[in-house]
Each structure stands twice: as structure tokens, then as C-alpha cells.
C-alpha atoms as a PDB file:
ATOM      1  CA  MET A   1     280.034-137.561  88.975  1.00  0.00           C
ATOM      2  CA  VAL A   2     281.220-140.155  86.467  1.00  0.00           C
ATOM      3  CA  ASP A   3     279.417-143.338  85.247  1.00  0.00           C
ATOM      4  CA  LEU A   4     282.248-145.080  83.539  1.00  0.00           C
ATOM      5  CA  GLY A   5     281.062-147.940  81.393  1.00  0.00           C
ATOM      6  CA  ALA A   6     277.590-146.369  81.308  1.00  0.00           C
ATOM      7  CA  GLY A   7     275.946-148.808  78.996  1.00  0.00           C
ATOM      8  CA  THR A   8     272.282-147.622  78.699  1.00  0.00           C
ATOM      9  CA  GLY A   9     272.593-145.190  81.482  1.00  0.00           C
ATOM     10  CA  LEU A  10     271.120-147.148  84.314  1.00  0.00           C
ATOM     11  CA  PHE A  11     273.260-145.289  86.862  1.00  0.00           C
ATOM     12  CA  SER A  12     274.026-142.152  84.763  1.00  0.00           C
ATOM     13  CA  ARG A  13     270.371-140.561  85.009  1.00  0.00           C
ATOM     14  CA  PRO A  14     270.273-141.088  88.894  1.00  0.00           C
ATOM     15  CA  LEU A  15     273.761-139.600  89.177  1.00  0.00           C
ATOM     16  CA  ALA A  16     272.667-136.571  87.054  1.00  0.00           C
ATOM     17  CA  ARG A  17     269.551-136.184  89.485  1.00  0.00           C
ATOM     18  CA  ALA A  18     271.950-136.661  92.499  1.00  0.00           C
ATOM     19  CA  VAL A  19     274.293-133.714  91.277  1.00  0.00           C
ATOM     20  CA  GLY A  20     271.331-131.403  90.406  1.00  0.00           C
ATOM     21  CA  PRO A  21     271.154-128.540  88.045  1.00  0.00           C
ATOM     22  CA  GLY A  22     274.335-127.036  89.346  1.00  0.00           C
ATOM     23  CA  GLY A  23     276.492-130.160  88.846  1.00  0.00           C
ATOM     24  CA  THR A  24     277.293-132.360  85.816  1.00  0.00           C
ATOM     25  CA  ALA A  25     277.201-136.018  85.378  1.00  0.00           C
ATOM     26  CA  TYR A  26     279.106-137.788  82.576  1.00  0.00           C
ATOM     27  CA  ALA A  27     278.020-140.972  81.055  1.00  0.00           C
ATOM     28  CA  VAL A  28     281.132-142.460  79.714  1.00  0.00           C
ATOM     29  CA  ASP A  29     281.293-145.365  77.237  1.00  0.00           C
ATOM     30  CA  ILE A  30     283.080-146.590  74.088  1.00  0.00           C
ATOM     31  CA  ASN A  31     279.754-147.581  72.279  1.00  0.00           C
ATOM     32  CA  ALA A  32     278.439-144.658  70.391  1.00  0.00           C
ATOM     33  CA  ASP A  33     274.935-146.259  70.037  1.00  0.00           C
ATOM     34  CA  LEU A  34     274.612-146.691  73.849  1.00  0.00           C
ATOM     35  CA  LEU A  35     275.654-142.865  74.301  1.00  0.00           C
ATOM     36  CA  ALA A  36     273.065-141.885  71.711  1.00  0.00           C
ATOM     37  CA  HIS A  37     270.523-143.580  73.829  1.00  0.00           C
ATOM     38  CA  ILE A  38     271.640-141.890  76.910  1.00  0.00           C
ATOM     39  CA  GLU A  39     271.481-138.536  75.184  1.00  0.00           C
ATOM     40  CA  ARG A  40     268.048-139.239  73.927  1.00  0.00           C
ATOM     41  CA  THR A  41     266.607-140.351  77.486  1.00  0.00           C
ATOM     42  CA  ALA A  42     268.406-137.559  79.213  1.00  0.00           C
ATOM     43  CA  VAL A  43     266.559-134.995  76.976  1.00  0.00           C
ATOM     44  CA  GLU A  44     263.315-137.086  77.585  1.00  0.00           C
ATOM     45  CA  GLN A  45     263.740-136.898  81.171  1.00  0.00           C
ATOM     46  CA  GLY A  46     264.856-133.014  81.245  1.00  0.00           C
ATOM     47  CA  LEU A  47     268.361-133.965  82.467  1.00  0.00           C
ATOM     48  CA  ASP A  48     270.318-131.068  80.965  1.00  0.00           C
ATOM     49  CA  ASN A  49     273.194-131.678  83.157  1.00  0.00           C
ATOM     50  CA  LEU A  50     273.994-135.296  81.898  1.00  0.00           C
ATOM     51  CA  VAL A  51     276.750-135.303  79.292  1.00  0.00           C
ATOM     52  CA  ALA A  52     277.609-138.260  77.150  1.00  0.00           C
ATOM     53  CA  VAL A  53     281.406-138.957  76.498  1.00  0.00           C
ATOM     54  CA  GLN A  54     282.806-141.170  73.866  1.00  0.00           C
ATOM     55  CA  ALA A  55     285.815-143.027  75.611  1.00  0.00           C
ATOM     56  CA  THR A  56     288.504-145.088  73.981  1.00  0.00           C
ATOM     57  CA  THR A  57     289.504-148.662  75.226  1.00  0.00           C
ATOM     58  CA  ASP A  58     292.395-147.244  77.089  1.00  0.00           C
ATOM     59  CA  ASP A  59     291.266-143.780  78.171  1.00  0.00           C
ATOM     60  CA  PRO A  60     287.817-142.568  79.397  1.00  0.00           C
ATOM     61  CA  GLN A  61     288.237-139.063  77.985  1.00  0.00           C
ATOM     62  CA  ILE A  62     286.574-137.350  81.002  1.00  0.00           C
ATOM     63  CA  PRO A  63     286.346-133.651  80.165  1.00  0.00           C
ATOM     64  CA  GLU A  64     287.146-132.410  83.937  1.00  0.00           C
ATOM     65  CA  PRO A  65     288.318-133.885  87.069  1.00  0.00           C
ATOM     66  CA  ALA A  66     285.476-135.493  89.086  1.00  0.00           C
ATOM     67  CA  ASP A  67     284.611-136.212  92.685  1.00  0.00           C
ATOM     68  CA  LEU A  68     283.435-139.540  92.006  1.00  0.00           C
ATOM     69  CA  ILE A  69     283.938-142.346  89.328  1.00  0.00           C
ATOM     70  CA  LEU A  70     281.666-145.223  89.395  1.00  0.00           C
ATOM     71  CA  ILE A  71     282.606-148.331  87.612  1.00  0.00           C
ATOM     72  CA  CYS A  72     279.804-150.956  87.517  1.00  0.00           C
ATOM     73  CA  ASP A  73     280.285-154.257  85.852  1.00  0.00           C
ATOM     74  CA  THR A  74     282.909-152.640  83.425  1.00  0.00           C
ATOM     75  CA  LEU A  75     286.516-153.153  84.899  1.00  0.00           C
ATOM     76  CA  HIS A  76     286.543-156.654  83.821  1.00  0.00           C
ATOM     77  CA  HIS A  77     286.324-155.468  80.165  1.00  0.00           C
ATOM     78  CA  ILE A  78     289.420-153.620  80.364  1.00  0.00           C
ATOM     79  CA  SER A  79     292.515-155.519  79.334  1.00  0.00           C
ATOM     80  CA  ASP A  80     295.240-153.649  81.463  1.00  0.00           C
ATOM     81  CA  ARG A  81     293.510-152.959  84.604  1.00  0.00           C
ATOM     82  CA  PRO A  82     296.419-151.708  86.644  1.00  0.00           C
ATOM     83  CA  THR A  83     297.483-149.114  84.038  1.00  0.00           C
ATOM     84  CA  TYR A  84     293.880-147.881  83.692  1.00  0.00           C
ATOM     85  CA  LEU A  85     293.274-147.536  87.351  1.00  0.00           C
ATOM     86  CA  THR A  86     296.420-145.552  87.647  1.00  0.00           C
ATOM     87  CA  SER A  87     295.224-143.250  84.660  1.00  0.00           C
ATOM     88  CA  LEU A  88     292.049-142.559  86.450  1.00  0.00           C
ATOM     89  CA  ARG A  89     293.954-140.485  89.185  1.00  0.00           C
ATOM     90  CA  HIS A  90     294.383-137.711  86.465  1.00  0.00           C
ATOM     91  CA  TYR A  91     290.697-137.585  86.194  1.00  0.00           C
ATOM     92  CA  LEU A  92     289.804-137.088  89.941  1.00  0.00           C
ATOM     93  CA  ARG A  93     289.796-133.945  92.043  1.00  0.00           C
ATOM     94  CA  PRO A  94     291.831-134.042  95.278  1.00  0.00           C
ATOM     95  CA  GLY A  95     290.008-136.363  97.689  1.00  0.00           C
ATOM     96  CA  GLY A  96     288.144-137.918  94.750  1.00  0.00           C
ATOM     97  CA  ARG A  97     287.016-141.547  94.936  1.00  0.00           C
ATOM     98  CA  VAL A  98     286.496-144.450  92.474  1.00  0.00           C
ATOM     99  CA  ALA A  99     283.764-147.014  93.325  1.00  0.00           C
ATOM    100  CA  VAL A 100     283.985-150.400  91.763  1.00  0.00           C
ATOM    101  CA  ILE A 101     281.186-152.829  91.582  1.00  0.00           C
ATOM    102  CA  ASP A 102     281.997-156.123  89.644  1.00  0.00           C
ATOM    103  CA  PHE A 103     281.423-159.801  89.621  1.00  0.00           C
ATOM    104  CA  PHE A 104     282.995-162.119  92.004  1.00  0.00           C
ATOM    105  CA  GLU A 105     282.689-164.749  89.431  1.00  0.00           C
ATOM    106  CA  SER A 106     280.300-165.283  86.561  1.00  0.00           C
ATOM    107  CA  VAL A 107     279.705-167.964  84.245  1.00  0.00           C
ATOM    108  CA  HIS A 108     279.039-165.433  81.602  1.00  0.00           C
ATOM    109  CA  LEU A 109     282.473-163.958  81.616  1.00  0.00           C
ATOM    110  CA  ALA A 110     285.565-165.496  79.598  1.00  0.00           C
ATOM    111  CA  PRO A 111     288.265-166.714  82.228  1.00  0.00           C
ATOM    112  CA  SER A 112     290.557-163.868  81.210  1.00  0.00           C
ATOM    113  CA  MET A 113     287.948-161.359  82.361  1.00  0.00           C
ATOM    114  CA  HIS A 114     287.873-162.658  86.007  1.00  0.00           C
ATOM    115  CA  TYR A 115     289.849-160.993  88.643  1.00  0.00           C
ATOM    116  CA  SER A 116     289.616-161.207  92.512  1.00  0.00           C
ATOM    117  CA  LEU A 117     289.004-158.516  95.027  1.00  0.00           C
ATOM    118  CA  GLU A 118     292.476-159.158  96.220  1.00  0.00           C
ATOM    119  CA  GLU A 119     293.942-158.294  92.932  1.00  0.00           C
ATOM    120  CA  LEU A 120     291.774-155.238  92.598  1.00  0.00           C
ATOM    121  CA  ASP A 121     292.976-153.999  96.136  1.00  0.00           C
ATOM    122  CA  GLY A 122     296.455-154.578  95.016  1.00  0.00           C
ATOM    123  CA  TRP A 123     296.092-152.712  91.652  1.00  0.00           C
ATOM    124  CA  ALA A 124     294.337-149.841  93.354  1.00  0.00           C
ATOM    125  CA  ARG A 125     297.208-149.717  96.060  1.00  0.00           C
ATOM    126  CA  ALA A 126     299.884-149.640  93.362  1.00  0.00           C
ATOM    127  CA  ALA A 127     298.037-146.929  91.681  1.00  0.00           C
ATOM    128  CA  GLY A 128     298.067-144.718  94.822  1.00  0.00           C
ATOM    129  CA  PHE A 129     294.457-145.379  95.961  1.00  0.00           C
ATOM    130  CA  THR A 130     293.504-146.120  99.550  1.00  0.00           C
ATOM    131  CA  LYS A 131     290.528-148.275 100.321  1.00  0.00           C
ATOM    132  CA  ALA A 132     287.814-146.035 101.715  1.00  0.00           C
ATOM    133  CA  ALA A 133     284.921-148.448 101.995  1.00  0.00           C
ATOM    134  CA  SER A 134     283.729-151.972 101.226  1.00  0.00           C
ATOM    135  CA  TYR A 135     280.174-153.243 101.107  1.00  0.00           C
ATOM    136  CA  ASP A 136     278.873-156.840 101.117  1.00  0.00           C
ATOM    137  CA  PHE A 137     275.106-156.427 100.517  1.00  0.00           C
ATOM    138  CA  LEU A 138     275.367-157.741  96.900  1.00  0.00           C
ATOM    139  CA  ASP A 139     275.066-161.473  96.163  1.00  0.00           C
ATOM    140  CA  SER A 140     277.484-161.877  93.201  1.00  0.00           C
ATOM    141  CA  ASN A 141     279.463-158.583  93.291  1.00  0.00           C
ATOM    142  CA  PHE A 142     281.930-156.882  95.273  1.00  0.00           C
ATOM    143  CA  PHE A 143     281.514-153.180  95.966  1.00  0.00           C
ATOM    144  CA  VAL A 144     284.537-151.156  97.142  1.00  0.00           C
ATOM    145  CA  VAL A 145     285.345-147.412  97.029  1.00  0.00           C
ATOM    146  CA  TYR A 146     289.006-146.155  96.940  1.00  0.00           C
ATOM    147  CA  SER A 147     290.138-142.592  97.538  1.00  0.00           C
ATOM    148  CA  CYS A 148     292.970-140.791  95.858  1.00  0.00           C
ATOM    149  CA  GLY A 149     293.697-138.301  98.668  1.00  0.00           C
ATOM    150  CA  ASP A 150     295.078-135.250  97.154  1.00  0.00           C
ATOM    151  CA  CYS A 151     296.303-136.814  93.812  1.00  0.00           C
ATOM    152  CA  PRO A 152     299.307-134.396  94.053  1.00  0.00           C
ATOM    153  CA  GLU A 153     301.270-135.736  91.085  1.00  0.00           C
ATOM    154  CA  TYR A 154     298.215-135.492  88.744  1.00  0.00           C
ATOM    155  CA  ASN A 155     296.392-132.312  89.845  1.00  0.00           C
END
């Protein structure tokens, strides 16, 4: 599993616990200081299966294909979202999923960072993803899951 845009590792540590000692969870971020924090807390909590990954602004650099990529409150920071979503197919195993949680609207975001669920659905469709699930229990965020099927041209 991958926590893309991991920040402080809020979701990375639970993902590492969820995959257990036989799996690997990747905390991916562009901020080296945050990754150092994640590494430190992983050691403190005995999470040997949590690996911090230094990403670039246009490539997550995930070391191996994953079953799930979680992108929580991060996609709005990416300038070319359609291309980035397409590139994620390369990092998924056949049948892998991308879960996106992001703001409907936020006064804390610049207008250029806003996008709609309809735009996201269109970008995901164009990238070859199929919407697998949508949840509406969050007040200010949408939460959708896309599947890549077998990702034939990338795997």
C-alpha cells in the first residue's frame, strides 16, 4: 500500500499495520523533513515494514507496483493532475486501486488548486480507470476509489 503525499504519516502508520509484517507500506512525499519524521516514528512504533520514499513533483517514485495508492488531501497540490493520474497506472498491480480524498472547496486553497469531482472522474476515466466506489460520509471532502483493472499496457 502507498500513502502518496504522506505528510506526517497520519495514514502511513495505520497502512503499515494493516499490511502486517509480511507486506510493505510506502510513505511517499516530496518533503525530506516529513519523510525523516515518518522514518523516526516508524522506528519508535516498531513498524519495520514502513518505507519512506522521496518523490518528485511529477513522479511518486514508488519502488514496486502496489495494490492501493491512497491520495489524501494531496492531489490539489499537483499541477498536471490528468498526466499524474495516468502515470499512476505504472505503479499499480493488475486490479490495483487509487483512492482519492480531497476537498470539495476550501477557503484555504488557492483557486488554481480547486477541482471538482466531475473533473476528477473525467481525468480518471481518460487515464483508463473505472470508478469502483464513492463515499459521502465526509463533510468537506469527496472520497472516491478507482480501479485500473489489469493495467495491460503498463504491467
